[in-house]
Amino acid sequence: RAWAEKLGHEVVAYYSDPARSGKSITRRPGLMKLLEEAGAKLR
């Protein structure tokens, strides 16, 4: 948020995966939701 505000950007969505390994993308539901919404027509 501090970085974004410094550049005049707005953080509009937050995704997270607590206690999740970085080894697997599919075992991170927060990341999967982010990717799903990134691919939406009206993201």
PDB file of all heavy atoms in Angstrom:
ATOM      1  N   ARG A   1       0.836  -1.214   0.000  1.00  0.00           N
ATOM      2  CA  ARG A   1       0.000   0.000   0.000  1.00  0.00           C
ATOM      3  C   ARG A   1       0.867   1.258   0.000  1.00  0.00           C
ATOM      4  O   ARG A   1       0.590   2.208  -0.735  1.00  0.00           O
ATOM      5  CB  ARG A   1      -0.932   0.023   1.207  1.00  0.00           C
ATOM      6  CG  ARG A   1      -2.228  -0.715   0.995  1.00  0.00           C
ATOM      7  CD  ARG A   1      -3.247  -0.403   2.096  1.00  0.00           C
ATOM      8  NE  ARG A   1      -2.784  -0.729   3.429  1.00  0.00           N
ATOM      9  CZ  ARG A   1      -2.945  -1.901   4.021  1.00  0.00           C
ATOM     10  NH1 ARG A   1      -3.557  -2.887   3.393  1.00  0.00           N
ATOM     11  NH2 ARG A   1      -2.498  -2.115   5.230  1.00  0.00           N
ATOM     12  N   ALA A   2       1.912   1.281   0.817  1.00  0.00           N
ATOM     13  CA  ALA A   2       2.796   2.444   0.883  1.00  0.00           C
ATOM     14  C   ALA A   2       3.461   2.689  -0.458  1.00  0.00           C
ATOM     15  O   ALA A   2       3.543   3.832  -0.929  1.00  0.00           O
ATOM     16  CB  ALA A   2       3.847   2.250   1.979  1.00  0.00           C
ATOM     17  N   TRP A   3       3.931   1.625  -1.098  1.00  0.00           N
ATOM     18  CA  TRP A   3       4.560   1.737  -2.417  1.00  0.00           C
ATOM     19  C   TRP A   3       3.560   2.276  -3.430  1.00  0.00           C
ATOM     20  O   TRP A   3       3.861   3.179  -4.207  1.00  0.00           O
ATOM     21  CB  TRP A   3       5.092   0.369  -2.851  1.00  0.00           C
ATOM     22  CG  TRP A   3       5.616   0.356  -4.240  1.00  0.00           C
ATOM     23  CD1 TRP A   3       6.871   0.688  -4.646  1.00  0.00           C
ATOM     24  CD2 TRP A   3       4.893  -0.013  -5.425  1.00  0.00           C
ATOM     25  NE1 TRP A   3       6.982   0.550  -6.015  1.00  0.00           N
ATOM     26  CE2 TRP A   3       5.777   0.131  -6.509  1.00  0.00           C
ATOM     27  CE3 TRP A   3       3.590  -0.426  -5.662  1.00  0.00           C
ATOM     28  CZ2 TRP A   3       5.389  -0.135  -7.823  1.00  0.00           C
ATOM     29  CZ3 TRP A   3       3.197  -0.694  -6.965  1.00  0.00           C
ATOM     30  CH2 TRP A   3       4.100  -0.552  -8.019  1.00  0.00           C
ATOM     31  N   ALA A   4       2.352   1.710  -3.437  1.00  0.00           N
ATOM     32  CA  ALA A   4       1.325   2.120  -4.398  1.00  0.00           C
ATOM     33  C   ALA A   4       0.937   3.584  -4.201  1.00  0.00           C
ATOM     34  O   ALA A   4       0.836   4.345  -5.179  1.00  0.00           O
ATOM     35  CB  ALA A   4       0.098   1.217  -4.269  1.00  0.00           C
ATOM     36  N   GLU A   5       0.730   3.978  -2.957  1.00  0.00           N
ATOM     37  CA  GLU A   5       0.351   5.366  -2.680  1.00  0.00           C
ATOM     38  C   GLU A   5       1.436   6.331  -3.113  1.00  0.00           C
ATOM     39  O   GLU A   5       1.142   7.411  -3.639  1.00  0.00           O
ATOM     40  CB  GLU A   5       0.045   5.533  -1.193  1.00  0.00           C
ATOM     41  CG  GLU A   5      -1.269   4.874  -0.790  1.00  0.00           C
ATOM     42  CD  GLU A   5      -1.508   4.900   0.713  1.00  0.00           C
ATOM     43  OE1 GLU A   5      -0.742   5.569   1.459  1.00  0.00           O
ATOM     44  OE2 GLU A   5      -2.461   4.235   1.151  1.00  0.00           O
ATOM     45  N   LYS A   6       2.673   5.960  -2.911  1.00  0.00           N
ATOM     46  CA  LYS A   6       3.809   6.793  -3.308  1.00  0.00           C
ATOM     47  C   LYS A   6       3.785   7.075  -4.811  1.00  0.00           C
ATOM     48  O   LYS A   6       4.173   8.145  -5.273  1.00  0.00           O
ATOM     49  CB  LYS A   6       5.104   6.076  -2.911  1.00  0.00           C
ATOM     50  CG  LYS A   6       6.356   6.863  -3.074  1.00  0.00           C
ATOM     51  CD  LYS A   6       7.512   6.037  -2.523  1.00  0.00           C
ATOM     52  CE  LYS A   6       8.826   6.699  -2.731  1.00  0.00           C
ATOM     53  NZ  LYS A   6       9.933   5.901  -2.224  1.00  0.00           N
ATOM     54  N   LEU A   7       3.307   6.109  -5.580  1.00  0.00           N
ATOM     55  CA  LEU A   7       3.252   6.246  -7.035  1.00  0.00           C
ATOM     56  C   LEU A   7       1.892   6.712  -7.541  1.00  0.00           C
ATOM     57  O   LEU A   7       1.677   6.812  -8.746  1.00  0.00           O
ATOM     58  CB  LEU A   7       3.622   4.918  -7.694  1.00  0.00           C
ATOM     59  CG  LEU A   7       5.052   4.448  -7.434  1.00  0.00           C
ATOM     60  CD1 LEU A   7       5.268   3.073  -8.025  1.00  0.00           C
ATOM     61  CD2 LEU A   7       6.058   5.440  -8.010  1.00  0.00           C
ATOM     62  N   GLY A   8       0.967   6.959  -6.614  1.00  0.00           N
ATOM     63  CA  GLY A   8      -0.359   7.429  -7.004  1.00  0.00           C
ATOM     64  C   GLY A   8      -1.298   6.333  -7.464  1.00  0.00           C
ATOM     65  O   GLY A   8      -2.278   6.597  -8.156  1.00  0.00           O
ATOM     66  N   HIS A   9      -1.027   5.099  -7.072  1.00  0.00           N
ATOM     67  CA  HIS A   9      -1.881   3.968  -7.426  1.00  0.00           C
ATOM     68  C   HIS A   9      -2.780   3.614  -6.246  1.00  0.00           C
ATOM     69  O   HIS A   9      -2.511   3.998  -5.112  1.00  0.00           O
ATOM     70  CB  HIS A   9      -1.046   2.748  -7.803  1.00  0.00           C
ATOM     71  CG  HIS A   9      -0.080   2.990  -8.907  1.00  0.00           C
ATOM     72  ND1 HIS A   9      -0.382   3.702 -10.043  1.00  0.00           N
ATOM     73  CD2 HIS A   9       1.217   2.623  -9.050  1.00  0.00           C
ATOM     74  CE1 HIS A   9       0.670   3.747 -10.836  1.00  0.00           C
ATOM     75  NE2 HIS A   9       1.661   3.105 -10.254  1.00  0.00           N
ATOM     76  N   GLU A  10      -3.811   2.841  -6.519  1.00  0.00           N
ATOM     77  CA  GLU A  10      -4.740   2.421  -5.475  1.00  0.00           C
ATOM     78  C   GLU A  10      -4.785   0.895  -5.414  1.00  0.00           C
ATOM     79  O   GLU A  10      -4.974   0.234  -6.432  1.00  0.00           O
ATOM     80  CB  GLU A  10      -6.140   2.946  -5.791  1.00  0.00           C
ATOM     81  CG  GLU A  10      -7.180   2.536  -4.797  1.00  0.00           C
ATOM     82  CD  GLU A  10      -8.581   2.979  -5.195  1.00  0.00           C
ATOM     83  OE1 GLU A  10      -8.788   3.428  -6.328  1.00  0.00           O
ATOM     84  OE2 GLU A  10      -9.471   2.832  -4.341  1.00  0.00           O
ATOM     85  N   VAL A  11      -4.618   0.350  -4.211  1.00  0.00           N
ATOM     86  CA  VAL A  11      -4.755  -1.088  -4.033  1.00  0.00           C
ATOM     87  C   VAL A  11      -6.250  -1.375  -3.890  1.00  0.00           C
ATOM     88  O   VAL A  11      -6.893  -0.900  -2.963  1.00  0.00           O
ATOM     89  CB  VAL A  11      -3.976  -1.607  -2.814  1.00  0.00           C
ATOM     90  CG1 VAL A  11      -4.144  -3.113  -2.672  1.00  0.00           C
ATOM     91  CG2 VAL A  11      -2.499  -1.245  -2.924  1.00  0.00           C
ATOM     92  N   VAL A  12      -6.794  -2.146  -4.831  1.00  0.00           N
ATOM     93  CA  VAL A  12      -8.236  -2.398  -4.858  1.00  0.00           C
ATOM     94  C   VAL A  12      -8.604  -3.843  -4.534  1.00  0.00           C
ATOM     95  O   VAL A  12      -9.778  -4.155  -4.354  1.00  0.00           O
ATOM     96  CB  VAL A  12      -8.840  -2.002  -6.222  1.00  0.00           C
ATOM     97  CG1 VAL A  12      -8.685  -0.506  -6.464  1.00  0.00           C
ATOM     98  CG2 VAL A  12      -8.223  -2.813  -7.350  1.00  0.00           C
ATOM     99  N   ALA A  13      -7.607  -4.725  -4.482  1.00  0.00           N
ATOM    100  CA  ALA A  13      -7.892  -6.136  -4.204  1.00  0.00           C
ATOM    101  C   ALA A  13      -6.716  -6.746  -3.447  1.00  0.00           C
ATOM    102  O   ALA A  13      -5.557  -6.410  -3.706  1.00  0.00           O
ATOM    103  CB  ALA A  13      -8.133  -6.901  -5.499  1.00  0.00           C
ATOM    104  N   TYR A  14      -7.042  -7.621  -2.508  1.00  0.00           N
ATOM    105  CA  TYR A  14      -6.031  -8.294  -1.697  1.00  0.00           C
ATOM    106  C   TYR A  14      -6.244  -9.806  -1.777  1.00  0.00           C
ATOM    107  O   TYR A  14      -7.369 -10.277  -1.632  1.00  0.00           O
ATOM    108  CB  TYR A  14      -6.142  -7.857  -0.237  1.00  0.00           C
ATOM    109  CG  TYR A  14      -5.834  -6.396  -0.026  1.00  0.00           C
ATOM    110  CD1 TYR A  14      -6.834  -5.434  -0.139  1.00  0.00           C
ATOM    111  CD2 TYR A  14      -4.549  -5.974   0.267  1.00  0.00           C
ATOM    112  CE1 TYR A  14      -6.557  -4.086   0.045  1.00  0.00           C
ATOM    113  CE2 TYR A  14      -4.258  -4.635   0.457  1.00  0.00           C
ATOM    114  CZ  TYR A  14      -5.264  -3.702   0.341  1.00  0.00           C
ATOM    115  OH  TYR A  14      -4.980  -2.372   0.525  1.00  0.00           O
ATOM    116  N   TYR A  15      -5.153 -10.530  -1.989  1.00  0.00           N
ATOM    117  CA  TYR A  15      -5.184 -11.987  -2.053  1.00  0.00           C
ATOM    118  C   TYR A  15      -4.062 -12.503  -1.172  1.00  0.00           C
ATOM    119  O   TYR A  15      -2.965 -11.931  -1.169  1.00  0.00           O
ATOM    120  CB  TYR A  15      -4.977 -12.474  -3.488  1.00  0.00           C
ATOM    121  CG  TYR A  15      -5.964 -11.892  -4.459  1.00  0.00           C
ATOM    122  CD1 TYR A  15      -5.709 -10.680  -5.080  1.00  0.00           C
ATOM    123  CD2 TYR A  15      -7.159 -12.553  -4.743  1.00  0.00           C
ATOM    124  CE1 TYR A  15      -6.623 -10.140  -5.971  1.00  0.00           C
ATOM    125  CE2 TYR A  15      -8.065 -12.015  -5.626  1.00  0.00           C
ATOM    126  CZ  TYR A  15      -7.797 -10.808  -6.247  1.00  0.00           C
ATOM    127  OH  TYR A  15      -8.700 -10.275  -7.119  1.00  0.00           O
ATOM    128  N   SER A  16      -4.308 -13.590  -0.451  1.00  0.00           N
ATOM    129  CA  SER A  16      -3.254 -14.105   0.420  1.00  0.00           C
ATOM    130  C   SER A  16      -3.372 -15.614   0.598  1.00  0.00           C
ATOM    131  O   SER A  16      -4.433 -16.199   0.390  1.00  0.00           O
ATOM    132  CB  SER A  16      -3.302 -13.425   1.784  1.00  0.00           C
ATOM    133  OG  SER A  16      -4.503 -13.739   2.446  1.00  0.00           O
ATOM    134  N   ASP A  17      -2.251 -16.185   0.972  1.00  0.00           N
ATOM    135  CA  ASP A  17      -2.165 -17.612   1.273  1.00  0.00           C
ATOM    136  C   ASP A  17      -1.282 -17.794   2.500  1.00  0.00           C
ATOM    137  O   ASP A  17      -0.068 -17.887   2.392  1.00  0.00           O
ATOM    138  CB  ASP A  17      -1.580 -18.384   0.079  1.00  0.00           C
ATOM    139  CG  ASP A  17      -2.569 -18.500  -1.057  1.00  0.00           C
ATOM    140  OD1 ASP A  17      -3.716 -18.892  -0.804  1.00  0.00           O
ATOM    141  OD2 ASP A  17      -2.197 -18.185  -2.200  1.00  0.00           O
ATOM    142  N   PRO A  18      -1.898 -17.829   3.694  1.00  0.00           N
ATOM    143  CA  PRO A  18      -1.114 -18.032   4.914  1.00  0.00           C
ATOM    144  C   PRO A  18      -0.652 -19.481   5.050  1.00  0.00           C
ATOM    145  O   PRO A  18      -1.390 -20.408   4.735  1.00  0.00           O
ATOM    146  CB  PRO A  18      -2.077 -17.647   6.031  1.00  0.00           C
ATOM    147  CG  PRO A  18      -3.434 -17.786   5.447  1.00  0.00           C
ATOM    148  CD  PRO A  18      -3.301 -17.553   3.966  1.00  0.00           C
ATOM    149  N   ALA A  19       0.574 -19.638   5.499  1.00  0.00           N
ATOM    150  CA  ALA A  19       1.171 -20.958   5.762  1.00  0.00           C
ATOM    151  C   ALA A  19       1.057 -21.885   4.555  1.00  0.00           C
ATOM    152  O   ALA A  19       0.702 -23.044   4.681  1.00  0.00           O
ATOM    153  CB  ALA A  19       0.560 -21.592   7.001  1.00  0.00           C
ATOM    154  N   ARG A  20       1.392 -21.355   3.379  1.00  0.00           N
ATOM    155  CA  ARG A  20       1.355 -22.143   2.150  1.00  0.00           C
ATOM    156  C   ARG A  20       2.722 -22.138   1.496  1.00  0.00           C
ATOM    157  O   ARG A  20       3.351 -21.096   1.328  1.00  0.00           O
ATOM    158  CB  ARG A  20       0.346 -21.565   1.148  1.00  0.00           C
ATOM    159  CG  ARG A  20      -1.076 -21.595   1.604  1.00  0.00           C
ATOM    160  CD  ARG A  20      -1.587 -23.008   1.597  1.00  0.00           C
ATOM    161  NE  ARG A  20      -2.971 -23.040   2.031  1.00  0.00           N
ATOM    162  CZ  ARG A  20      -3.825 -23.950   1.679  1.00  0.00           C
ATOM    163  NH1 ARG A  20      -3.454 -24.927   0.892  1.00  0.00           N
ATOM    164  NH2 ARG A  20      -5.051 -23.922   2.130  1.00  0.00           N
ATOM    165  N   SER A  21       3.174 -23.281   1.082  1.00  0.00           N
ATOM    166  CA  SER A  21       4.448 -23.410   0.398  1.00  0.00           C
ATOM    167  C   SER A  21       4.384 -22.746  -0.973  1.00  0.00           C
ATOM    168  O   SER A  21       3.333 -22.711  -1.612  1.00  0.00           O
ATOM    169  CB  SER A  21       4.784 -24.898   0.219  1.00  0.00           C
ATOM    170  OG  SER A  21       5.879 -25.042  -0.651  1.00  0.00           O
ATOM    171  N   GLY A  22       5.517 -22.253  -1.419  1.00  0.00           N
ATOM    172  CA  GLY A  22       5.598 -21.673  -2.745  1.00  0.00           C
ATOM    173  C   GLY A  22       5.862 -22.698  -3.830  1.00  0.00           C
ATOM    174  O   GLY A  22       5.933 -22.365  -4.998  1.00  0.00           O
ATOM    175  N   LYS A  23       5.993 -23.963  -3.447  1.00  0.00           N
ATOM    176  CA  LYS A  23       6.315 -25.015  -4.412  1.00  0.00           C
ATOM    177  C   LYS A  23       5.186 -25.309  -5.384  1.00  0.00           C
ATOM    178  O   LYS A  23       5.426 -25.712  -6.505  1.00  0.00           O
ATOM    179  CB  LYS A  23       6.710 -26.297  -3.693  1.00  0.00           C
ATOM    180  CG  LYS A  23       8.033 -26.202  -2.982  1.00  0.00           C
ATOM    181  CD  LYS A  23       8.383 -27.523  -2.338  1.00  0.00           C
ATOM    182  CE  LYS A  23       9.720 -27.433  -1.631  1.00  0.00           C
ATOM    183  NZ  LYS A  23      10.113 -28.713  -1.054  1.00  0.00           N
ATOM    184  N   SER A  24       3.951 -25.153  -4.945  1.00  0.00           N
ATOM    185  CA  SER A  24       2.806 -25.523  -5.786  1.00  0.00           C
ATOM    186  C   SER A  24       1.858 -24.344  -5.954  1.00  0.00           C
ATOM    187  O   SER A  24       1.424 -23.742  -4.970  1.00  0.00           O
ATOM    188  CB  SER A  24       2.036 -26.692  -5.157  1.00  0.00           C
ATOM    189  OG  SER A  24       0.844 -26.920  -5.880  1.00  0.00           O
ATOM    190  N   ILE A  25       1.529 -24.036  -7.171  1.00  0.00           N
ATOM    191  CA  ILE A  25       0.562 -22.973  -7.434  1.00  0.00           C
ATOM    192  C   ILE A  25      -0.846 -23.441  -7.098  1.00  0.00           C
ATOM    193  O   ILE A  25      -1.634 -22.713  -6.519  1.00  0.00           O
ATOM    194  CB  ILE A  25       0.647 -22.522  -8.907  1.00  0.00           C
ATOM    195  CG1 ILE A  25       1.965 -21.800  -9.154  1.00  0.00           C
ATOM    196  CG2 ILE A  25      -0.520 -21.630  -9.281  1.00  0.00           C
ATOM    197  CD1 ILE A  25       2.196 -21.414 -10.584  1.00  0.00           C
ATOM    198  N   THR A  26      -1.158 -24.674  -7.427  1.00  0.00           N
ATOM    199  CA  THR A  26      -2.528 -25.159  -7.258  1.00  0.00           C
ATOM    200  C   THR A  26      -2.929 -25.329  -5.800  1.00  0.00           C
ATOM    201  O   THR A  26      -4.114 -25.393  -5.502  1.00  0.00           O
ATOM    202  CB  THR A  26      -2.733 -26.495  -7.994  1.00  0.00           C
ATOM    203  OG1 THR A  26      -1.802 -27.465  -7.491  1.00  0.00           O
ATOM    204  CG2 THR A  26      -2.545 -26.327  -9.487  1.00  0.00           C
ATOM    205  N   ARG A  27      -1.987 -25.388  -4.903  1.00  0.00           N
ATOM    206  CA  ARG A  27      -2.313 -25.520  -3.471  1.00  0.00           C
ATOM    207  C   ARG A  27      -2.383 -24.166  -2.769  1.00  0.00           C
ATOM    208  O   ARG A  27      -2.328 -24.096  -1.551  1.00  0.00           O
ATOM    209  CB  ARG A  27      -1.289 -26.417  -2.785  1.00  0.00           C
ATOM    210  CG  ARG A  27      -1.395 -27.840  -3.259  1.00  0.00           C
ATOM    211  CD  ARG A  27      -0.480 -28.741  -2.500  1.00  0.00           C
ATOM    212  NE  ARG A  27      -0.540 -30.086  -3.056  1.00  0.00           N
ATOM    213  CZ  ARG A  27       0.393 -30.984  -2.909  1.00  0.00           C
ATOM    214  NH1 ARG A  27       1.462 -30.710  -2.196  1.00  0.00           N
ATOM    215  NH2 ARG A  27       0.269 -32.169  -3.449  1.00  0.00           N
ATOM    216  N   ARG A  28      -2.490 -23.105  -3.557  1.00  0.00           N
ATOM    217  CA  ARG A  28      -2.604 -21.757  -3.005  1.00  0.00           C
ATOM    218  C   ARG A  28      -3.907 -21.125  -3.497  1.00  0.00           C
ATOM    219  O   ARG A  28      -3.965 -20.517  -4.561  1.00  0.00           O
ATOM    220  CB  ARG A  28      -1.393 -20.920  -3.406  1.00  0.00           C
ATOM    221  CG  ARG A  28      -0.110 -21.530  -2.870  1.00  0.00           C
ATOM    222  CD  ARG A  28       1.099 -20.668  -3.009  1.00  0.00           C
ATOM    223  NE  ARG A  28       1.362 -20.202  -4.344  1.00  0.00           N
ATOM    224  CZ  ARG A  28       2.473 -19.576  -4.692  1.00  0.00           C
ATOM    225  NH1 ARG A  28       3.430 -19.381  -3.823  1.00  0.00           N
ATOM    226  NH2 ARG A  28       2.644 -19.158  -5.916  1.00  0.00           N
ATOM    227  N   PRO A  29      -4.977 -21.276  -2.718  1.00  0.00           N
ATOM    228  CA  PRO A  29      -6.287 -20.793  -3.168  1.00  0.00           C
ATOM    229  C   PRO A  29      -6.343 -19.283  -3.413  1.00  0.00           C
ATOM    230  O   PRO A  29      -7.053 -18.827  -4.301  1.00  0.00           O
ATOM    231  CB  PRO A  29      -7.248 -21.221  -2.067  1.00  0.00           C
ATOM    232  CG  PRO A  29      -6.403 -21.561  -0.902  1.00  0.00           C
ATOM    233  CD  PRO A  29      -5.054 -21.938  -1.418  1.00  0.00           C
ATOM    234  N   GLY A  30      -5.600 -18.519  -2.626  1.00  0.00           N
ATOM    235  CA  GLY A  30      -5.579 -17.065  -2.843  1.00  0.00           C
ATOM    236  C   GLY A  30      -4.989 -16.719  -4.200  1.00  0.00           C
ATOM    237  O   GLY A  30      -5.514 -15.870  -4.927  1.00  0.00           O
ATOM    238  N   LEU A  31      -3.907 -17.380  -4.551  1.00  0.00           N
ATOM    239  CA  LEU A  31      -3.282 -17.151  -5.846  1.00  0.00           C
ATOM    240  C   LEU A  31      -4.179 -17.627  -6.976  1.00  0.00           C
ATOM    241  O   LEU A  31      -4.302 -16.972  -8.010  1.00  0.00           O
ATOM    242  CB  LEU A  31      -1.921 -17.850  -5.922  1.00  0.00           C
ATOM    243  CG  LEU A  31      -1.160 -17.691  -7.237  1.00  0.00           C
ATOM    244  CD1 LEU A  31      -0.900 -16.225  -7.564  1.00  0.00           C
ATOM    245  CD2 LEU A  31       0.135 -18.473  -7.189  1.00  0.00           C
ATOM    246  N   MET A  32      -4.835 -18.755  -6.788  1.00  0.00           N
ATOM    247  CA  MET A  32      -5.741 -19.259  -7.822  1.00  0.00           C
ATOM    248  C   MET A  32      -6.894 -18.281  -8.068  1.00  0.00           C
ATOM    249  O   MET A  32      -7.283 -18.037  -9.211  1.00  0.00           O
ATOM    250  CB  MET A  32      -6.275 -20.645  -7.446  1.00  0.00           C
ATOM    251  CG  MET A  32      -5.202 -21.719  -7.335  1.00  0.00           C
ATOM    252  SD  MET A  32      -4.090 -21.841  -8.767  1.00  0.00           S
ATOM    253  CE  MET A  32      -5.229 -22.349 -10.026  1.00  0.00           C
ATOM    254  N   LYS A  33      -7.420 -17.682  -6.994  1.00  0.00           N
ATOM    255  CA  LYS A  33      -8.489 -16.682  -7.130  1.00  0.00           C
ATOM    256  C   LYS A  33      -7.970 -15.451  -7.866  1.00  0.00           C
ATOM    257  O   LYS A  33      -8.644 -14.909  -8.745  1.00  0.00           O
ATOM    258  CB  LYS A  33      -9.022 -16.316  -5.741  1.00  0.00           C
ATOM    259  CG  LYS A  33     -10.128 -15.305  -5.753  1.00  0.00           C
ATOM    260  CD  LYS A  33     -11.402 -15.892  -6.300  1.00  0.00           C
ATOM    261  CE  LYS A  33     -12.551 -14.917  -6.126  1.00  0.00           C
ATOM    262  NZ  LYS A  33     -13.735 -15.331  -6.860  1.00  0.00           N
ATOM    263  N   LEU A  34      -6.761 -15.000  -7.535  1.00  0.00           N
ATOM    264  CA  LEU A  34      -6.159 -13.864  -8.215  1.00  0.00           C
ATOM    265  C   LEU A  34      -6.033 -14.153  -9.712  1.00  0.00           C
ATOM    266  O   LEU A  34      -6.407 -13.322 -10.550  1.00  0.00           O
ATOM    267  CB  LEU A  34      -4.779 -13.563  -7.613  1.00  0.00           C
ATOM    268  CG  LEU A  34      -4.030 -12.368  -8.178  1.00  0.00           C
ATOM    269  CD1 LEU A  34      -3.103 -11.806  -7.127  1.00  0.00           C
ATOM    270  CD2 LEU A  34      -3.249 -12.707  -9.416  1.00  0.00           C
ATOM    271  N   LEU A  35      -5.518 -15.317 -10.063  1.00  0.00           N
ATOM    272  CA  LEU A  35      -5.351 -15.676 -11.467  1.00  0.00           C
ATOM    273  C   LEU A  35      -6.693 -15.758 -12.191  1.00  0.00           C
ATOM    274  O   LEU A  35      -6.815 -15.340 -13.346  1.00  0.00           O
ATOM    275  CB  LEU A  35      -4.588 -16.998 -11.588  1.00  0.00           C
ATOM    276  CG  LEU A  35      -3.131 -16.954 -11.126  1.00  0.00           C
ATOM    277  CD1 LEU A  35      -2.538 -18.356 -11.132  1.00  0.00           C
ATOM    278  CD2 LEU A  35      -2.316 -16.005 -11.987  1.00  0.00           C
ATOM    279  N   GLU A  36      -7.691 -16.285 -11.496  1.00  0.00           N
ATOM    280  CA  GLU A  36      -9.034 -16.361 -12.082  1.00  0.00           C
ATOM    281  C   GLU A  36      -9.561 -14.966 -12.395  1.00  0.00           C
ATOM    282  O   GLU A  36     -10.063 -14.709 -13.490  1.00  0.00           O
ATOM    283  CB  GLU A  36      -9.967 -17.071 -11.097  1.00  0.00           C
ATOM    284  CG  GLU A  36     -11.413 -17.131 -11.544  1.00  0.00           C
ATOM    285  CD  GLU A  36     -12.303 -17.725 -10.461  1.00  0.00           C
ATOM    286  OE1 GLU A  36     -11.876 -18.648  -9.755  1.00  0.00           O
ATOM    287  OE2 GLU A  36     -13.435 -17.215 -10.330  1.00  0.00           O
ATOM    288  N   GLU A  37      -9.430 -14.055 -11.446  1.00  0.00           N
ATOM    289  CA  GLU A  37      -9.938 -12.705 -11.640  1.00  0.00           C
ATOM    290  C   GLU A  37      -9.086 -11.925 -12.641  1.00  0.00           C
ATOM    291  O   GLU A  37      -9.601 -11.073 -13.355  1.00  0.00           O
ATOM    292  CB  GLU A  37     -10.063 -11.988 -10.303  1.00  0.00           C
ATOM    293  CG  GLU A  37     -11.157 -12.617  -9.466  1.00  0.00           C
ATOM    294  CD  GLU A  37     -11.456 -11.900  -8.170  1.00  0.00           C
ATOM    295  OE1 GLU A  37     -10.887 -10.826  -7.911  1.00  0.00           O
ATOM    296  OE2 GLU A  37     -12.282 -12.438  -7.411  1.00  0.00           O
ATOM    297  N   ALA A  38      -7.795 -12.230 -12.719  1.00  0.00           N
ATOM    298  CA  ALA A  38      -6.925 -11.568 -13.700  1.00  0.00           C
ATOM    299  C   ALA A  38      -7.341 -11.938 -15.121  1.00  0.00           C
ATOM    300  O   ALA A  38      -7.188 -11.149 -16.044  1.00  0.00           O
ATOM    301  CB  ALA A  38      -5.470 -11.947 -13.461  1.00  0.00           C
ATOM    302  N   GLY A  39      -7.885 -13.139 -15.286  1.00  0.00           N
ATOM    303  CA  GLY A  39      -8.301 -13.587 -16.600  1.00  0.00           C
ATOM    304  C   GLY A  39      -9.720 -13.206 -16.970  1.00  0.00           C
ATOM    305  O   GLY A  39     -10.154 -13.442 -18.098  1.00  0.00           O
ATOM    306  N   ALA A  40     -10.451 -12.606 -16.040  1.00  0.00           N
ATOM    307  CA  ALA A  40     -11.840 -12.221 -16.304  1.00  0.00           C
ATOM    308  C   ALA A  40     -11.898 -11.055 -17.275  1.00  0.00           C
ATOM    309  O   ALA A  40     -10.991 -10.221 -17.335  1.00  0.00           O
ATOM    310  CB  ALA A  40     -12.537 -11.844 -14.994  1.00  0.00           C
ATOM    311  N   LYS A  41     -12.955 -11.004 -18.027  1.00  0.00           N
ATOM    312  CA  LYS A  41     -13.123  -9.941 -19.017  1.00  0.00           C
ATOM    313  C   LYS A  41     -13.137  -8.564 -18.343  1.00  0.00           C
ATOM    314  O   LYS A  41     -12.548  -7.623 -18.842  1.00  0.00           O
ATOM    315  CB  LYS A  41     -14.408 -10.168 -19.804  1.00  0.00           C
ATOM    316  CG  LYS A  41     -14.557  -9.267 -20.981  1.00  0.00           C
ATOM    317  CD  LYS A  41     -15.717  -9.672 -21.850  1.00  0.00           C
ATOM    318  CE  LYS A  41     -15.735  -8.833 -23.107  1.00  0.00           C
ATOM    319  NZ  LYS A  41     -16.771  -9.264 -24.036  1.00  0.00           N
ATOM    320  N   LEU A  42     -13.811  -8.462 -17.236  1.00  0.00           N
ATOM    321  CA  LEU A  42     -13.889  -7.189 -16.502  1.00  0.00           C
ATOM    322  C   LEU A  42     -13.124  -7.305 -15.187  1.00  0.00           C
ATOM    323  O   LEU A  42     -13.688  -7.203 -14.100  1.00  0.00           O
ATOM    324  CB  LEU A  42     -15.349  -6.814 -16.235  1.00  0.00           C
ATOM    325  CG  LEU A  42     -16.187  -6.546 -17.475  1.00  0.00           C
ATOM    326  CD1 LEU A  42     -17.645  -6.329 -17.097  1.00  0.00           C
ATOM    327  CD2 LEU A  42     -15.648  -5.360 -18.255  1.00  0.00           C
ATOM    328  N   ARG A  43     -11.848  -7.544 -15.269  1.00  0.00           N
ATOM    329  CA  ARG A  43     -11.078  -7.740 -14.039  1.00  0.00           C
ATOM    330  C   ARG A  43     -11.047  -6.465 -13.202  1.00  0.00           C
ATOM    331  O   ARG A  43     -11.060  -5.363 -13.742  1.00  0.00           O
ATOM    332  CB  ARG A  43      -9.688  -8.246 -14.349  1.00  0.00           C
ATOM    333  CG  ARG A  43      -8.800  -7.243 -14.996  1.00  0.00           C
ATOM    334  CD  ARG A  43      -7.436  -7.822 -15.237  1.00  0.00           C
ATOM    335  NE  ARG A  43      -6.718  -6.885 -16.084  1.00  0.00           N
ATOM    336  CZ  ARG A  43      -5.671  -7.183 -16.766  1.00  0.00           C
ATOM    337  NH1 ARG A  43      -5.184  -8.383 -16.724  1.00  0.00           N
ATOM    338  NH2 ARG A  43      -5.082  -6.278 -17.498  1.00  0.00           N
TER     339      ARG A  43
END
